[in-house]
Protein backbone atom coordinates (compact mmCIF):
# COMPACT_ATOMS: atom_id res chain seq x y z
CA MET A 1 -31.99 82.58 15.46
CA ALA A 2 -30.98 83.21 19.07
CA ASP A 3 -27.81 85.12 19.84
CA SER A 4 -25.22 82.35 19.65
CA THR A 5 -22.73 84.42 21.66
CA THR A 6 -24.71 84.06 24.90
CA PRO A 7 -23.43 81.37 27.29
CA ASP A 8 -26.75 79.51 27.22
CA ALA A 9 -26.92 79.46 23.43
CA ALA A 10 -23.29 78.37 23.11
CA ALA A 11 -24.08 75.45 25.43
CA GLY A 12 -27.17 74.49 23.45
CA ARG A 13 -29.47 75.81 26.19
CA CYS A 14 -32.59 77.66 25.12
CA ASP A 15 -33.86 80.22 27.64
CA PRO A 16 -37.33 81.47 26.62
CA ALA A 17 -37.22 84.25 29.22
CA ARG A 18 -34.79 86.16 27.00
CA PHE A 19 -36.13 88.24 24.13
CA GLU A 20 -32.99 87.60 22.09
CA THR A 21 -33.82 83.89 21.99
CA PHE A 22 -36.67 84.73 19.60
CA ALA A 23 -35.23 87.81 17.89
CA ALA A 24 -35.57 86.15 14.47
CA GLY A 25 -38.58 83.96 15.21
CA HIS A 26 -38.23 80.36 16.32
CA PRO A 27 -34.57 79.36 16.90
CA PHE A 28 -35.01 75.91 15.35
CA THR A 29 -31.28 75.13 15.30
CA LEU A 30 -31.06 75.96 19.00
CA TYR A 31 -34.14 73.83 19.70
CA ALA A 32 -32.45 70.86 18.04
CA ALA A 33 -29.28 71.35 20.08
CA ALA A 34 -31.25 71.66 23.31
CA ARG A 35 -33.34 68.60 22.48
CA GLU A 36 -30.14 66.62 21.91
CA LYS A 37 -28.11 67.90 24.86
CA GLU A 38 -30.62 68.74 27.59
CA PRO A 39 -34.29 68.19 26.61
CA VAL A 40 -35.47 69.02 30.13
CA ALA A 41 -33.30 72.01 31.07
CA LEU A 42 -33.43 73.80 34.42
CA PHE A 43 -33.12 77.59 34.58
CA GLU A 44 -33.13 79.92 37.55
CA HIS A 45 -32.69 83.67 37.76
CA GLU A 46 -31.86 85.86 40.72
CA GLY A 47 -34.96 87.48 42.17
CA TRP A 48 -37.42 85.08 40.54
CA ARG A 49 -39.83 83.30 42.86
CA TYR A 50 -39.57 79.97 41.02
CA ARG A 51 -37.24 77.85 38.92
CA TYR A 52 -38.38 76.57 35.55
CA HIS A 53 -37.61 73.58 33.35
CA VAL A 54 -37.67 74.07 29.57
CA LEU A 55 -39.05 71.17 27.52
CA THR A 56 -38.07 70.60 23.88
CA ARG A 57 -39.25 67.03 23.16
CA TYR A 58 -42.66 66.36 21.65
CA ALA A 59 -43.43 63.47 24.01
CA ASP A 60 -42.71 65.50 27.15
CA ILE A 61 -44.71 68.53 26.00
CA ASP A 62 -47.64 66.38 24.93
CA SER A 63 -47.60 64.55 28.26
CA VAL A 64 -47.45 67.66 30.46
CA SER A 65 -50.16 69.38 28.40
CA ARG A 66 -52.58 66.53 29.14
CA ASP A 67 -51.62 66.00 32.79
CA THR A 68 -53.91 68.18 34.89
CA ASP A 69 -53.44 65.89 37.90
CA ASN A 70 -49.82 66.90 38.34
CA PHE A 71 -49.64 70.31 36.64
CA THR A 72 -51.63 73.51 37.02
CA SER A 73 -52.18 76.69 35.02
CA THR A 74 -53.47 78.66 38.01
CA HIS A 75 -50.09 80.18 38.94
CA GLY A 76 -49.33 81.48 35.45
CA PHE A 77 -49.76 80.07 31.94
CA ARG A 78 -46.87 81.78 30.14
CA LEU A 79 -43.26 82.47 31.10
CA PRO A 80 -42.51 86.18 31.62
CA HIS A 81 -39.33 87.80 30.32
CA LEU A 82 -36.24 88.99 32.12
CA GLU A 83 -36.22 92.70 31.36
CA GLU A 84 -37.10 94.93 34.29
CA GLY A 85 -39.97 97.33 33.90
CA CYS A 86 -41.61 95.35 31.11
CA GLN A 87 -44.06 93.40 33.24
CA PRO A 88 -47.67 94.64 33.14
CA PRO A 89 -49.09 96.18 36.33
CA SER A 90 -50.45 93.61 38.75
CA GLU A 91 -54.09 94.46 38.02
CA ILE A 92 -53.61 93.64 34.34
CA ALA A 93 -51.64 90.47 35.03
CA GLU A 94 -54.25 89.29 37.53
CA THR A 95 -57.11 90.05 35.14
CA ILE A 96 -55.58 88.07 32.27
CA SER A 97 -54.57 85.14 34.50
CA SER A 98 -58.11 84.95 35.93
CA THR A 99 -59.50 83.70 32.60
CA PHE A 100 -59.99 80.05 31.63
CA MET A 101 -56.42 80.06 30.28
CA GLY A 102 -55.29 80.35 33.89
CA SER A 103 -57.70 77.82 35.35
CA ASP A 104 -57.85 74.04 35.77
CA PRO A 105 -60.69 71.52 35.58
CA PRO A 106 -63.42 71.58 36.64
CA LYS A 107 -63.59 75.40 36.60
CA HIS A 108 -61.92 75.54 33.19
CA GLY A 109 -64.57 73.28 31.72
CA ILE A 110 -67.43 75.46 32.99
CA THR A 111 -66.21 78.47 31.02
CA ARG A 112 -65.28 76.40 27.99
CA LYS A 113 -68.73 74.79 27.91
CA VAL A 114 -70.36 78.23 27.68
CA LEU A 115 -68.10 79.32 24.81
CA GLN A 116 -67.80 76.02 22.91
CA PRO A 117 -71.08 76.24 20.91
CA HIS A 118 -69.73 79.31 19.11
CA PHE A 119 -66.87 77.24 17.67
CA MET A 120 -68.83 74.13 16.67
CA PRO A 121 -69.50 73.01 13.05
CA SER A 122 -73.02 74.46 13.17
CA MET A 123 -71.60 77.93 13.88
CA LEU A 124 -68.89 77.52 11.25
CA ARG A 125 -71.60 76.82 8.68
CA GLN A 126 -73.31 80.07 9.66
CA ILE A 127 -70.21 82.19 9.10
CA ASP A 128 -68.79 80.23 6.16
CA GLU A 129 -70.35 82.36 3.43
CA GLU A 130 -69.49 85.61 5.21
CA VAL A 131 -65.84 84.62 5.60
CA GLN A 132 -65.71 83.56 1.96
CA GLY A 133 -67.26 86.86 0.95
CA ALA A 134 -64.66 88.78 2.95
CA VAL A 135 -61.86 86.78 1.29
CA ASP A 136 -63.31 87.29 -2.20
CA GLY A 137 -63.75 91.02 -1.64
CA LEU A 138 -60.15 91.33 -0.50
CA ILE A 139 -58.88 89.39 -3.51
CA ASP A 140 -60.87 91.65 -5.85
CA ARG A 141 -59.21 94.74 -4.37
CA LEU A 142 -55.77 93.28 -5.03
CA ARG A 143 -56.22 92.08 -8.62
CA ASP A 144 -54.30 94.97 -10.17
CA ARG A 145 -51.50 94.97 -7.59
CA GLU A 146 -48.03 93.63 -8.27
CA SER A 147 -46.95 93.49 -4.64
CA ILE A 148 -48.31 94.21 -1.18
CA GLU A 149 -47.28 94.46 2.46
CA PHE A 150 -48.87 91.14 3.28
CA VAL A 151 -49.66 91.46 7.00
CA SER A 152 -51.55 94.76 6.97
CA GLU A 153 -53.07 94.39 3.50
CA PHE A 154 -54.20 90.77 3.68
CA ALA A 155 -53.26 88.48 6.58
CA ALA A 156 -54.76 90.64 9.34
CA ILE A 157 -57.94 91.73 7.57
CA VAL A 158 -60.07 88.59 7.35
CA PRO A 159 -59.23 87.45 10.92
CA ILE A 160 -60.34 90.85 12.25
CA PHE A 161 -63.56 90.63 10.22
CA THR A 162 -64.26 87.10 11.48
CA LEU A 163 -63.48 88.00 15.08
CA MET A 164 -65.85 90.96 14.96
CA ARG A 165 -68.54 88.78 13.42
CA LEU A 166 -68.20 86.18 16.19
CA LEU A 167 -68.05 88.73 19.00
CA GLY A 168 -70.79 90.91 17.59
CA ALA A 169 -68.56 94.00 17.84
CA PRO A 170 -69.73 97.15 16.00
CA GLU A 171 -68.63 97.16 12.34
CA GLY A 172 -67.11 100.60 12.61
CA ASP A 173 -64.62 99.47 15.26
CA ALA A 174 -62.42 97.36 12.97
CA GLU A 175 -59.54 99.83 12.79
CA LYS A 176 -59.62 100.36 16.55
CA ILE A 177 -59.60 96.63 17.22
CA TYR A 178 -56.71 96.11 14.81
CA ASP A 179 -54.70 98.78 16.64
CA TRP A 180 -55.54 97.26 20.01
CA THR A 181 -54.49 93.76 19.00
CA ASN A 182 -51.13 95.06 17.81
CA ARG A 183 -50.60 96.92 21.06
CA LEU A 184 -51.75 94.02 23.25
CA VAL A 185 -49.69 91.33 21.56
CA GLY A 186 -46.83 93.79 21.02
CA ALA A 187 -46.78 94.88 24.65
CA ASN A 188 -42.98 94.66 24.70
CA ASP A 189 -42.30 95.87 21.19
CA PRO A 190 -41.16 99.52 21.14
CA GLU A 191 -42.84 100.04 17.76
CA TYR A 192 -46.22 99.62 19.45
CA ASN A 193 -45.41 100.61 23.04
CA SER A 194 -42.35 102.75 23.71
CA GLU A 195 -42.82 102.41 27.48
CA PRO A 196 -44.78 100.13 29.85
CA ALA A 197 -47.37 102.83 30.54
CA GLN A 198 -48.50 102.73 26.91
CA SER A 199 -49.02 98.99 27.04
CA ALA A 200 -50.94 99.32 30.29
CA ALA A 201 -53.14 101.98 28.70
CA ALA A 202 -53.98 99.66 25.80
CA PHE A 203 -55.05 96.91 28.18
CA MET A 204 -57.23 99.30 30.17
CA GLU A 205 -58.85 100.65 26.98
CA VAL A 206 -59.76 97.10 25.94
CA PHE A 207 -60.96 96.17 29.43
CA ASN A 208 -63.29 99.19 29.46
CA TYR A 209 -64.48 98.61 25.88
CA GLY A 210 -65.25 94.98 26.63
CA THR A 211 -67.02 95.82 29.88
CA ALA A 212 -69.32 98.27 28.07
CA LEU A 213 -70.21 95.69 25.40
CA LEU A 214 -70.81 93.00 28.01
CA GLU A 215 -73.16 95.28 29.93
CA GLU A 216 -75.13 95.79 26.71
CA ARG A 217 -75.38 92.01 26.18
CA GLU A 218 -76.60 91.47 29.74
CA THR A 219 -79.69 93.53 29.01
CA SER A 220 -79.98 92.74 25.28
CA PRO A 221 -78.40 89.35 24.43
CA SER A 222 -78.05 88.68 20.71
CA GLY A 223 -76.79 85.11 20.54
CA ASP A 224 -73.19 86.06 19.68
CA LEU A 225 -70.01 85.13 21.52
CA LEU A 226 -70.14 88.26 23.67
CA SER A 227 -73.62 87.27 24.84
CA ALA A 228 -72.17 83.93 25.92
CA VAL A 229 -69.40 85.69 27.87
CA ALA A 230 -72.05 87.93 29.45
CA MET A 231 -73.78 84.79 30.76
CA LEU A 232 -70.77 83.83 32.85
CA PRO A 233 -71.27 84.37 36.59
CA LYS A 234 -69.99 87.54 38.25
CA SER A 235 -70.93 86.95 41.86
CA ASP A 236 -67.61 88.31 43.11
CA SER A 237 -64.80 90.58 41.98
CA ARG A 238 -62.71 87.63 40.77
CA GLU A 239 -65.45 86.44 38.42
CA GLU A 240 -66.06 89.95 37.12
CA MET A 241 -62.34 90.28 36.51
CA ALA A 242 -62.36 86.98 34.60
CA ARG A 243 -65.06 88.24 32.25
CA ARG A 244 -63.07 91.37 31.43
CA GLY A 245 -59.92 89.35 30.92
CA LEU A 246 -61.70 86.82 28.73
CA PHE A 247 -62.86 89.48 26.31
CA THR A 248 -59.29 90.77 26.06
CA THR A 249 -57.93 87.26 25.51
CA LEU A 250 -60.46 86.56 22.76
CA LEU A 251 -59.64 89.87 21.10
CA ALA A 252 -55.90 89.23 21.01
CA ALA A 253 -55.83 85.47 20.41
CA GLY A 254 -58.81 85.55 18.08
CA ASN A 255 -56.85 86.94 15.14
CA GLU A 256 -53.14 86.86 15.94
CA THR A 257 -52.69 83.10 15.51
CA THR A 258 -54.44 83.09 12.14
CA ARG A 259 -52.60 86.16 10.91
CA ASN A 260 -49.18 84.75 11.75
CA SER A 261 -49.94 81.25 10.47
CA LEU A 262 -50.98 82.66 7.10
CA THR A 263 -47.92 84.91 6.86
CA GLY A 264 -45.72 81.99 7.83
CA ALA A 265 -47.44 79.91 5.16
CA ILE A 266 -46.31 82.34 2.45
CA ILE A 267 -42.75 82.14 3.77
CA GLY A 268 -42.88 78.34 3.84
CA LEU A 269 -44.42 77.99 0.37
CA THR A 270 -41.78 80.36 -0.99
CA LYS A 271 -39.03 78.19 0.50
CA PHE A 272 -40.67 75.01 -0.81
CA PRO A 273 -42.15 75.96 -4.22
CA ASP A 274 -42.85 72.31 -5.05
CA GLN A 275 -45.32 72.25 -2.16
CA LYS A 276 -47.02 75.39 -3.43
CA GLN A 277 -47.34 73.80 -6.86
CA ALA A 278 -48.80 70.65 -5.32
CA LEU A 279 -51.60 72.75 -3.77
CA ILE A 280 -52.23 74.57 -7.05
CA ASP A 281 -52.43 71.26 -8.92
CA ASP A 282 -54.59 69.58 -6.28
CA PRO A 283 -56.57 71.94 -4.01
CA SER A 284 -57.99 68.94 -2.14
CA LEU A 285 -54.65 68.90 -0.31
CA ILE A 286 -55.35 72.27 1.33
CA PRO A 287 -57.06 70.98 4.52
CA ASN A 288 -54.06 68.80 5.36
CA ALA A 289 -51.73 71.57 4.23
CA VAL A 290 -53.27 73.89 6.82
CA ARG A 291 -52.50 71.39 9.57
CA GLU A 292 -48.96 71.07 8.24
CA ILE A 293 -48.56 74.85 8.04
CA VAL A 294 -49.59 75.28 11.68
CA ARG A 295 -47.02 72.61 12.59
CA TYR A 296 -44.33 74.24 10.47
CA VAL A 297 -45.05 77.80 11.62
CA SER A 298 -45.98 77.16 15.30
CA PRO A 299 -47.59 80.58 15.97
CA VAL A 300 -47.06 80.48 19.76
CA PHE A 301 -43.59 80.13 21.27
CA GLN A 302 -44.42 78.78 24.70
CA MET A 303 -46.86 78.03 27.48
CA MET A 304 -46.13 77.21 31.11
CA ARG A 305 -47.47 74.98 33.89
CA PHE A 306 -46.53 74.55 37.57
CA ALA A 307 -45.99 71.22 39.30
CA LYS A 308 -48.61 70.49 41.96
CA ARG A 309 -46.33 67.90 43.55
CA ASP A 310 -42.95 66.32 42.94
CA VAL A 311 -43.16 64.65 39.56
CA GLU A 312 -40.86 63.27 36.87
CA VAL A 313 -40.76 64.52 33.27
CA GLY A 314 -38.46 62.99 30.70
CA GLY A 315 -36.38 61.33 33.39
CA ARG A 316 -35.92 64.59 35.34
CA LYS A 317 -37.44 65.41 38.71
CA ILE A 318 -39.65 68.50 38.82
CA ALA A 319 -40.16 69.69 42.39
CA GLU A 320 -43.52 70.90 43.66
CA GLY A 321 -43.88 74.60 42.86
CA GLU A 322 -41.40 74.58 39.99
CA ALA A 323 -42.53 75.49 36.49
CA VAL A 324 -42.25 73.69 33.18
CA VAL A 325 -42.11 75.72 29.96
CA MET A 326 -43.30 73.99 26.80
CA LEU A 327 -41.68 75.13 23.54
CA TYR A 328 -44.21 74.26 20.85
CA GLY A 329 -41.91 75.04 17.95
CA ALA A 330 -39.40 72.53 19.33
CA ALA A 331 -42.10 69.87 19.72
CA ASN A 332 -43.37 70.46 16.19
CA ARG A 333 -39.86 69.97 14.76
CA ASP A 334 -39.01 66.89 16.83
CA PRO A 335 -37.75 64.17 14.45
CA ALA A 336 -38.97 61.52 16.89
CA MET A 337 -42.51 62.52 15.90
CA PHE A 338 -42.18 64.13 12.45
CA GLU A 339 -39.96 62.71 9.74
CA ASP A 340 -37.77 65.36 8.06
CA PRO A 341 -39.36 67.94 10.41
CA ASP A 342 -37.79 71.06 8.89
CA ARG A 343 -39.46 70.38 5.55
CA LEU A 344 -42.92 71.72 4.76
CA ASP A 345 -44.79 68.69 3.42
CA VAL A 346 -48.44 69.30 2.51
CA ARG A 347 -49.00 65.53 2.25
CA ARG A 348 -47.53 64.76 5.68
CA ALA A 349 -49.52 61.82 7.03
CA ASN A 350 -49.38 62.83 10.70
CA ALA A 351 -49.64 66.61 10.32
CA ASN A 352 -52.72 66.48 12.53
CA ARG A 353 -50.48 65.53 15.47
CA HIS A 354 -49.03 69.05 15.61
CA LEU A 355 -49.15 71.00 18.88
CA GLY A 356 -49.49 74.41 17.26
CA PHE A 357 -52.92 74.87 18.84
CA GLY A 358 -51.93 73.16 22.07
CA VAL A 359 -53.38 69.84 23.24
CA GLY A 360 -55.49 68.60 26.13
CA VAL A 361 -58.02 70.71 28.01
CA HIS A 362 -56.25 73.93 27.03
CA ARG A 363 -56.24 73.26 23.28
CA CYS A 364 -57.12 76.49 21.46
CA ILE A 365 -60.90 76.81 21.49
CA GLY A 366 -60.81 78.87 18.30
CA ALA A 367 -58.81 76.34 16.28
CA PRO A 368 -61.78 75.38 14.03
CA VAL A 369 -62.39 79.03 13.12
CA ALA A 370 -58.69 79.61 12.44
CA THR A 371 -58.61 76.50 10.25
CA LEU A 372 -61.66 77.63 8.28
CA GLN A 373 -60.09 81.01 7.55
CA LEU A 374 -56.70 79.58 6.64
CA GLU A 375 -58.23 77.11 4.20
CA LYS A 376 -60.23 79.82 2.45
CA MET A 377 -57.42 82.39 2.34
CA ILE A 378 -54.78 79.96 1.06
CA ALA A 379 -57.13 78.58 -1.60
CA ALA A 380 -58.02 82.09 -2.80
CA LEU A 381 -54.43 83.29 -2.89
CA LEU A 382 -53.14 80.30 -4.86
CA THR A 383 -56.08 80.34 -7.27
CA ASN A 384 -55.78 84.03 -8.07
CA PHE A 385 -52.05 84.61 -7.55
CA PRO A 386 -50.24 81.35 -8.35
CA MET A 387 -46.90 83.19 -8.56
CA ILE A 388 -47.20 84.60 -5.05
CA LYS A 389 -43.98 84.59 -3.03
CA ALA A 390 -42.27 86.37 -0.15
CA ALA A 391 -40.14 89.28 -1.36
CA SER A 392 -38.46 90.31 1.89
CA GLU A 393 -37.32 88.92 5.20
CA PRO A 394 -40.04 88.96 7.87
CA ASP A 395 -40.01 91.72 10.47
CA TYR A 396 -40.58 89.89 13.74
CA LEU A 397 -42.46 91.11 16.79
CA ARG A 398 -40.40 91.56 19.96
CA SER A 399 -41.95 88.89 22.13
CA ASN A 400 -41.11 85.71 24.01
CA PHE A 401 -44.70 84.45 23.75
CA VAL A 402 -46.09 84.92 20.24
CA SER A 403 -44.21 84.26 17.01
CA GLY A 404 -45.56 87.44 15.45
CA ILE A 405 -44.64 88.90 12.08
CA LYS A 406 -45.22 92.64 11.77
CA ARG A 407 -44.38 93.01 8.09
CA LEU A 408 -43.64 90.89 5.04
CA ASP A 409 -43.34 92.18 1.48
CA VAL A 410 -45.00 89.81 -0.98
CA ARG A 411 -45.07 89.72 -4.77
CA LEU A 412 -48.42 88.64 -6.14
CA ARG A 413 -47.35 88.07 -9.75
């Protein structure tokens, strides 16, 4: 919950540039107040080069996400935070923003078309048995355990395995990649990076690691996702930068969303034990339950777009050059779209309308792989540990971008 003593919070205004807004994960009560009082809320800060409007209604966020005629991702796709000295060096920021996450059609579609085959049903069928084997092996190692630290001992392991399988990264690099993902996503968390220089070093390590692997794939392609990235053009420095940034984006986003959705699932099923029992009694509900869990958890806090021209959103004028910030957790708990939105309901009829993976041209390209993993991991956990439940409060990542959980104690029996 956001710090209710701040002037913005007291007024029902939700400023995603402040770390304290997300100190305890999504501030759902604050979202509801903002949605009621000022669903399109303007913020401006001294020294910033733009003003931004924060959106909390499902309809507005869905509309902006799909509207590439009036909104662009090329000037930044996520809202930075207020604290001085926490921004990454310009080279890092430019490299990350040069990827397809920071591009518009038609350029966005060119990159996506190259990557898309690696996330299609035919590819999922190829990795299905391997993912299941990884899940089964992990379950076997936990059979005699009473409790575990869920994130490091379960939630993060299969996503790292799957990511490495898709990328074609060397098997012996799993521990290194796990450390990098924590440091990349936790760039502003002092547990992972006590000062900006440490975060910058992590990004540069990953850039260099990815560049070396891409150079290998250029001469010896192997049909994996990295080989596809290596096929992207690099006729100028901007395109070469985009390739390096894309590898880093895939590395971080490729496991963090799945890890946090699964951890959030355990929290949700602990809060709503009747829903856990429904899945145990009828495992055929698990595919829809995964959609509902992504809605309920909302693993990403926000994304941002800039207005290409003067435009209206939710009855408010957005001037050319101003930004709009889309709060996905607010959209996914909007009662205008989801009945009784704060309840986890594994039978929810419109769970597939969630925005947890985004929507429109920028919808998460890895959503099918994340869904596959979540279905298998939830099924295995409930089959083998039907008494599973959260045994501690979650320890949240310090971030205004990702709803990350660093630790959660879980009882298995």
